Each structure stands twice: as structure tokens, then as C-alpha cells.
Amino acid sequence: MIKQTTIAKPAETSGLGLHTAAPVQLRLRPAPPDTGYIFVRTDLDNFEIPASVECIAHCSYATTLMRTGVMLSTVEHLLAALRGLGVDNAYIEVDNLELPIMDGSAEAFTEMIERAGVVEQPAARRALRVRERVSVEQGERRVSVEPYEGCEIDCTIDFTHPLIGVQHYRFDALDPESFAREISPARTFGFTEEIETLRRANLIRGGSLDNAIVLTPDGMLNTTPLRHSDEFVRHKILDIIGDLALLNMPLLGLVRAERSGHLLHAALMSKLLRDDSAWEIVDMPVAQLAHAR
């Protein structure tokens, strides 16, 4: 039996919100089996917001959750670190309406979780196993999930930019070591021509070259090099892992994403969950034991 996990001890960090530019304190605490991920707004009398598909409010430039009018934004990078490292249960205390962006990747969150340690719990780890293919499309953007023994993400992006172009990456999402090494460090990115529009919409007020790759028409503003030549598609996989964490348990299936984004990821999860015949909840197969720890 593969067992559920939580962090071994509390861990904390702080930073600025990407869109609000507000300082944020973040603290992870161990949680009992079958808790999943629960955000706790410590600035609002410890109001709890479950990390679940039902709480998705909107997904424009970040994934935002809401419960009875209380919101929390930019949750995807921390959720990716928790899911990517195989942590099943955690309380996530935050004292503002947005999680800190850190350096635009999940690396700081990954290192914080690794320092805290991950411990097994007595309950069996459950997984959502895909039984039938489900897909959503929006023009040239598409994402689907189909039956598969493990959990892999096959992602393609296509930008008419000299540093990006067409990039493709396939990743085993049940391998914590590979996640920490190959996906976690990949930073978010944006384009200089979008900056004014985003700022007029009261977004990216905390954005800087310290927390994003900023692309000019023919290069980038950052003086530090890319962490990988395909850092852009790796970051897209990071976002997909973070968004899929809102299913409340690991996914067993093959995800294919082409030019996708947070909105399509949310639409796919909603469509999948609405079709009772397309999925089932099972104990994590022992065949995944080597990866699941």
C-alpha cells in the first residue's frame, strides 16, 4: 500500500505578490490524512479555502480561488511544488490575497518543502484514474486527458519569438526528483508589449526581472541566462501540475496540452469531473511505488 504524506514540520517563507506587489508571509503546516491542501487566510480570522476545482474563481493570468467571497490568487506554483514532490496533505497559511511570486518558479517552494521533509501517514494514497478520454479546445488551444498507467504530461507551446518558437516536453509527473530538477526551476515569462495592458488592468504591479523572464520582440531584458533553452515549455508543465493539484489527489492519466493555459486546464478538470464514467478513485497502484515516494 502506498501511503499518504504530509510535511514533517512547519516551514515558512515570504515575498511579494506578483500582481498586488503586497508583502506576503507564507507558512506550511502538517495536515492529517485526507485533508488535501487547505489555504488559511491568517489575515481574515483563519478563513479556510480548500484547493479544489469547485473553488476556482477565474484563471486569466493566474489561478485564483474563492470561497464565499474570500479570494486567494496565484496559487499554482506552490501547489505544483506540493504535488510535484508527492505531498498529499498540508495547511497553507497566507496573510494576504496572493501567494508570493518568489523568483517566478517553484524552486523556492520546492526547497522549503525539502527542508521541512516529507513523512508517510497511515492512510492509503488515493488517485483519480482516468477511464475515458476527455478534451477541451478553444481555437488552436487544446488540452486532453486519456487513460494511462502512470501520470505523464505531454506539452507543446508555440510562440513566434526567436527564444521560444515551438517547444515540446514530456514529463513523468510522479517522479519527485525529476520535478525538483527539471520543472521546479522554470520561471514564468511575459512580453514587453503586454506590460502596459496588464498594468492598466492592475496586474503585475510586483513584476520585475527578479521574478519573470521578460521578452522583447527579439530577445529578453533579463541579463541572467535562461535556466534551460526550453525553460518556457517547462514552466507551462509547472503550471499544469499546479492546476491539476486542484483535483485533490494525484491523477493517473496522460495529459496532452497544446498552447494551453489556466482557463483550459480548469475547463478540462470540470468537464472530467462532470462525467462520472470518465474516472474512478482508486488506491495508488503499487507499480507507482518507486515514483510516489
Protein backbone atom coordinates (compact mmCIF):
# COMPACT_ATOMS: atom_id res chain seq x y z
CA MET A 1 0.00 0.00 0.00
CA ILE A 2 1.29 3.43 -0.94
CA LYS A 3 0.63 5.81 1.93
CA GLN A 4 -0.37 9.46 2.05
CA THR A 5 2.19 12.05 3.09
CA THR A 6 2.46 15.43 4.74
CA ILE A 7 5.40 17.66 5.65
CA ALA A 8 7.42 16.64 8.70
CA LYS A 9 7.42 20.10 10.35
CA PRO A 10 6.22 23.64 9.65
CA ALA A 11 8.11 25.71 7.08
CA GLU A 12 7.78 29.35 6.09
CA THR A 13 8.93 31.97 3.66
CA SER A 14 7.93 35.45 2.50
CA GLY A 15 7.89 37.51 -0.66
CA LEU A 16 5.87 39.87 -2.82
CA GLY A 17 2.67 39.21 -4.71
CA LEU A 18 3.21 39.36 -8.49
CA HIS A 19 0.00 41.23 -9.24
CA THR A 20 -0.57 43.10 -5.96
CA ALA A 21 3.08 43.89 -5.08
CA ALA A 22 1.99 43.35 -1.46
CA PRO A 23 4.32 41.64 1.05
CA VAL A 24 3.13 38.13 1.92
CA GLN A 25 4.04 35.72 4.70
CA LEU A 26 3.57 32.05 3.80
CA ARG A 27 3.69 29.13 6.23
CA LEU A 28 3.13 25.42 5.58
CA ARG A 29 1.91 23.15 8.37
CA PRO A 30 1.45 19.36 8.51
CA ALA A 31 -2.14 18.19 8.00
CA PRO A 32 -3.95 14.90 8.82
CA PRO A 33 -4.67 12.24 6.19
CA ASP A 34 -7.42 13.05 3.66
CA THR A 35 -7.11 16.81 4.27
CA GLY A 36 -5.67 17.69 0.87
CA TYR A 37 -4.41 21.25 0.58
CA ILE A 38 -6.21 23.87 2.65
CA PHE A 39 -5.30 27.56 2.32
CA VAL A 40 -5.76 29.53 5.54
CA ARG A 41 -6.11 33.33 5.32
CA THR A 42 -4.50 34.29 8.64
CA ASP A 43 -5.35 37.95 7.98
CA LEU A 44 -9.06 37.03 7.90
CA ASP A 45 -9.56 35.07 11.15
CA ASN A 46 -8.00 31.91 9.66
CA PHE A 47 -10.63 31.64 6.93
CA GLU A 48 -10.14 28.37 5.05
CA ILE A 49 -10.19 27.97 1.26
CA PRO A 50 -9.80 24.38 0.01
CA ALA A 51 -7.56 23.90 -3.02
CA SER A 52 -10.26 22.31 -5.18
CA VAL A 53 -11.77 22.64 -8.63
CA GLU A 54 -15.03 23.83 -7.06
CA CYS A 55 -13.26 26.92 -5.64
CA ILE A 56 -11.74 28.15 -8.92
CA ALA A 57 -12.88 31.75 -9.39
CA HIS A 58 -11.01 32.82 -12.51
CA CYS A 59 -7.89 31.94 -14.46
CA SER A 60 -6.71 34.91 -16.51
CA TYR A 61 -3.04 35.43 -15.68
CA ALA A 62 -3.01 33.22 -12.58
CA THR A 63 -5.23 30.65 -10.92
CA THR A 64 -7.47 32.35 -8.34
CA LEU A 65 -9.59 30.53 -5.75
CA MET A 66 -12.62 31.91 -3.96
CA ARG A 67 -14.90 30.70 -1.18
CA THR A 68 -17.93 32.76 -0.08
CA GLY A 69 -16.38 35.93 -1.46
CA VAL A 70 -12.89 35.46 0.00
CA MET A 71 -10.23 35.16 -2.69
CA LEU A 72 -6.68 33.91 -2.99
CA SER A 73 -4.64 34.31 -6.15
CA THR A 74 -1.53 32.90 -7.87
CA VAL A 75 -1.75 29.52 -6.12
CA GLU A 76 -0.42 27.36 -8.95
CA HIS A 77 3.35 27.44 -8.28
CA LEU A 78 3.09 26.39 -4.64
CA LEU A 79 0.52 23.72 -5.48
CA ALA A 80 2.87 22.42 -8.18
CA ALA A 81 5.67 22.11 -5.61
CA LEU A 82 3.44 20.18 -3.19
CA ARG A 83 2.01 17.85 -5.83
CA GLY A 84 5.30 17.51 -7.70
CA LEU A 85 7.11 16.42 -4.52
CA GLY A 86 4.37 13.95 -3.61
CA VAL A 87 2.94 15.81 -0.61
CA ASP A 88 -0.73 14.90 -0.17
CA ASN A 89 -1.84 16.98 2.82
CA ALA A 90 -0.88 20.45 4.06
CA TYR A 91 -2.27 23.59 5.61
CA ILE A 92 -1.05 26.68 3.78
CA GLU A 93 -1.22 29.84 5.87
CA VAL A 94 -1.04 33.13 3.99
CA ASP A 95 -1.65 36.67 5.27
CA ASN A 96 -2.72 38.39 2.05
CA LEU A 97 -4.84 37.79 -1.04
CA GLU A 98 -2.00 36.49 -3.20
CA LEU A 99 0.82 33.99 -2.75
CA PRO A 100 4.38 35.32 -3.10
CA ILE A 101 5.80 35.02 -6.60
CA MET A 102 9.39 34.40 -5.35
CA ASP A 103 11.61 34.17 -8.49
CA GLY A 104 8.71 33.24 -10.79
CA SER A 105 9.32 29.50 -10.49
CA ALA A 106 8.50 26.87 -7.86
CA GLU A 107 12.12 26.40 -6.79
CA ALA A 108 11.90 28.35 -3.51
CA PHE A 109 8.75 26.43 -2.51
CA THR A 110 10.36 23.13 -3.51
CA GLU A 111 13.43 23.85 -1.38
CA MET A 112 11.24 24.88 1.55
CA ILE A 113 9.32 21.59 1.39
CA GLU A 114 12.52 19.58 1.03
CA ARG A 115 13.99 21.29 4.10
CA ALA A 116 10.86 20.51 6.11
CA GLY A 117 10.89 16.87 5.00
CA VAL A 118 8.06 14.62 3.85
CA VAL A 119 6.63 11.89 6.12
CA GLU A 120 4.28 8.99 5.50
CA GLN A 121 0.85 8.80 7.12
CA PRO A 122 -1.21 5.72 7.97
CA ALA A 123 -3.89 6.15 5.27
CA ALA A 124 -3.63 4.83 1.72
CA ARG A 125 -2.87 7.34 -1.02
CA ARG A 126 -5.82 7.64 -3.37
CA ALA A 127 -5.60 8.59 -7.04
CA LEU A 128 -8.07 9.76 -9.67
CA ARG A 129 -7.70 7.32 -12.54
CA VAL A 130 -8.91 8.41 -15.97
CA ARG A 131 -11.10 5.81 -17.69
CA GLU A 132 -12.17 7.71 -20.83
CA ARG A 133 -10.55 10.42 -22.92
CA VAL A 134 -11.81 13.94 -22.19
CA SER A 135 -10.73 17.04 -24.12
CA VAL A 136 -11.43 20.75 -24.42
CA GLU A 137 -10.49 23.10 -27.23
CA GLN A 138 -10.52 26.83 -27.84
CA GLY A 139 -9.38 27.72 -31.32
CA GLU A 140 -5.81 26.41 -31.69
CA ARG A 141 -5.56 25.77 -27.95
CA ARG A 142 -6.38 22.31 -26.68
CA VAL A 143 -5.84 20.04 -23.70
CA SER A 144 -6.95 16.47 -23.11
CA VAL A 145 -6.51 13.61 -20.67
CA GLU A 146 -6.71 9.92 -21.51
CA PRO A 147 -6.22 6.58 -19.74
CA TYR A 148 -2.59 5.81 -18.88
CA GLU A 149 -0.86 3.64 -16.28
CA GLY A 150 1.13 6.47 -14.68
CA CYS A 151 0.83 10.23 -14.93
CA GLU A 152 2.59 11.99 -17.79
CA ILE A 153 2.22 15.45 -19.25
CA ASP A 154 2.93 15.91 -22.96
CA CYS A 155 3.10 19.65 -23.61
CA THR A 156 3.69 21.77 -26.72
CA ILE A 157 3.88 25.57 -26.90
CA ASP A 158 4.22 27.75 -29.99
CA PHE A 159 5.25 31.41 -29.87
CA THR A 160 6.58 33.45 -32.79
CA HIS A 161 9.58 34.60 -30.78
CA PRO A 162 13.25 33.80 -31.51
CA LEU A 163 13.86 32.45 -27.99
CA ILE A 164 10.79 30.19 -27.99
CA GLY A 165 9.26 29.03 -31.27
CA VAL A 166 7.78 25.54 -30.98
CA GLN A 167 8.87 23.73 -27.80
CA HIS A 168 7.80 20.25 -26.71
CA TYR A 169 8.42 18.37 -23.47
CA ARG A 170 7.01 15.17 -21.99
CA PHE A 171 7.29 14.71 -18.25
CA ASP A 172 6.65 11.94 -15.73
CA ALA A 173 4.61 13.81 -13.11
CA LEU A 174 5.02 11.07 -10.48
CA ASP A 175 8.79 11.50 -10.15
CA PRO A 176 9.59 14.00 -7.35
CA GLU A 177 13.33 14.06 -8.05
CA SER A 178 12.77 14.90 -11.71
CA PHE A 179 10.23 17.54 -10.76
CA ALA A 180 12.69 19.25 -8.42
CA ARG A 181 15.45 19.15 -11.01
CA GLU A 182 13.71 19.61 -14.37
CA ILE A 183 10.46 21.52 -13.78
CA SER A 184 10.58 23.38 -10.47
CA PRO A 185 13.25 25.97 -11.54
CA ALA A 186 11.40 27.05 -14.71
CA ARG A 187 10.27 30.69 -14.42
CA THR A 188 7.15 32.42 -15.63
CA PHE A 189 7.53 34.66 -18.66
CA GLY A 190 5.86 37.59 -20.37
CA PHE A 191 6.28 40.00 -23.25
CA THR A 192 7.16 43.70 -23.13
CA GLU A 193 4.23 44.55 -25.44
CA GLU A 194 1.81 43.16 -22.82
CA ILE A 195 3.16 45.17 -19.89
CA GLU A 196 1.15 48.36 -20.34
CA THR A 197 -2.13 46.50 -20.85
CA LEU A 198 -1.52 44.37 -17.75
CA ARG A 199 -0.63 47.37 -15.62
CA ARG A 200 -3.77 49.21 -16.75
CA ALA A 201 -5.69 46.14 -15.54
CA ASN A 202 -3.99 46.49 -12.13
CA LEU A 203 -1.90 43.36 -12.77
CA ILE A 204 1.86 42.59 -12.47
CA ARG A 205 2.40 45.52 -10.08
CA GLY A 206 5.03 43.37 -8.34
CA GLY A 207 6.57 42.10 -11.57
CA SER A 208 10.30 42.58 -12.17
CA LEU A 209 13.28 40.93 -13.82
CA ASP A 210 13.81 39.16 -10.49
CA ASN A 211 10.58 37.17 -10.80
CA ALA A 212 9.93 36.70 -14.53
CA ILE A 213 11.57 36.29 -17.90
CA VAL A 214 10.63 39.47 -19.79
CA LEU A 215 10.82 39.05 -23.56
CA THR A 216 11.43 41.86 -26.04
CA PRO A 217 10.49 41.38 -29.72
CA ASP A 218 13.94 39.94 -30.48
CA GLY A 219 15.37 38.81 -27.13
CA MET A 220 14.90 39.35 -23.40
CA LEU A 221 15.50 42.11 -20.88
CA ASN A 222 16.99 39.74 -18.28
CA THR A 223 20.77 39.75 -18.08
CA THR A 224 20.92 36.34 -16.39
CA PRO A 225 20.69 33.43 -18.87
CA LEU A 226 17.83 31.03 -19.33
CA ARG A 227 17.98 28.06 -16.96
CA HIS A 228 17.18 25.75 -19.89
CA SER A 229 16.82 26.57 -23.57
CA ASP A 230 13.27 25.18 -23.28
CA GLU A 231 12.52 26.84 -19.92
CA PHE A 232 9.28 28.18 -21.38
CA VAL A 233 7.60 24.82 -22.03
CA ARG A 234 8.92 23.52 -18.71
CA HIS A 235 7.17 26.40 -16.95
CA LYS A 236 3.94 25.53 -18.78
CA ILE A 237 4.23 21.99 -17.38
CA LEU A 238 4.79 23.52 -13.93
CA ASP A 239 1.51 25.43 -14.32
CA ILE A 240 -0.31 22.29 -15.47
CA ILE A 241 0.90 20.31 -12.45
CA GLY A 242 -0.18 23.15 -10.14
CA ASP A 243 -3.61 23.43 -11.71
CA LEU A 244 -4.18 19.65 -11.71
CA ALA A 245 -3.38 19.65 -7.98
CA LEU A 246 -6.88 21.13 -7.57
CA LEU A 247 -8.25 17.63 -8.27
CA ASN A 248 -7.35 16.93 -4.60
CA MET A 249 -5.37 13.79 -5.38
CA PRO A 250 -2.80 12.53 -7.88
CA LEU A 251 -4.03 11.95 -11.41
CA LEU A 252 -3.44 8.68 -13.26
CA GLY A 253 -3.62 9.53 -16.93
CA LEU A 254 -1.83 11.09 -19.89
CA VAL A 255 -2.35 14.84 -20.28
CA ARG A 256 -1.74 16.32 -23.72
CA ALA A 257 -1.56 20.11 -23.84
CA GLU A 258 -1.07 22.32 -26.88
CA ARG A 259 -0.92 26.11 -26.41
CA SER A 260 -2.97 25.65 -23.23
CA GLY A 261 -3.41 27.95 -20.24
CA HIS A 262 -5.01 28.11 -16.79
CA LEU A 263 -8.51 28.60 -18.24
CA LEU A 264 -8.32 25.46 -20.36
CA HIS A 265 -6.83 23.45 -17.50
CA ALA A 266 -9.79 24.43 -15.31
CA ALA A 267 -12.25 23.62 -18.08
CA LEU A 268 -10.68 20.17 -18.56
CA MET A 269 -10.89 19.32 -14.86
CA SER A 270 -14.51 20.48 -14.65
CA LYS A 271 -15.50 18.50 -17.74
CA LEU A 272 -13.72 15.39 -16.48
CA LEU A 273 -15.34 15.52 -13.04
CA ARG A 274 -18.82 16.08 -14.50
CA ASP A 275 -18.62 12.76 -16.37
CA ASP A 276 -18.83 10.02 -13.74
CA SER A 277 -17.98 7.35 -16.30
CA ALA A 278 -14.69 9.05 -17.27
CA TRP A 279 -12.88 8.50 -13.96
CA GLU A 280 -12.70 6.46 -10.78
CA ILE A 281 -10.95 6.84 -7.43
CA VAL A 282 -8.51 4.04 -6.66
CA ASP A 283 -5.68 3.29 -4.26
CA MET A 284 -2.41 4.41 -5.86
CA PRO A 285 -1.13 1.27 -7.64
CA VAL A 286 1.94 -0.31 -6.07
CA ALA A 287 3.52 -0.22 -9.54
CA GLN A 288 3.95 3.51 -8.95
CA LEU A 289 5.72 2.97 -5.60
CA ALA A 290 9.20 3.91 -6.81
CA HIS A 291 7.95 7.27 -8.08
CA ALA A 292 5.34 8.05 -5.47
CA ARG A 293 7.77 8.38 -2.56
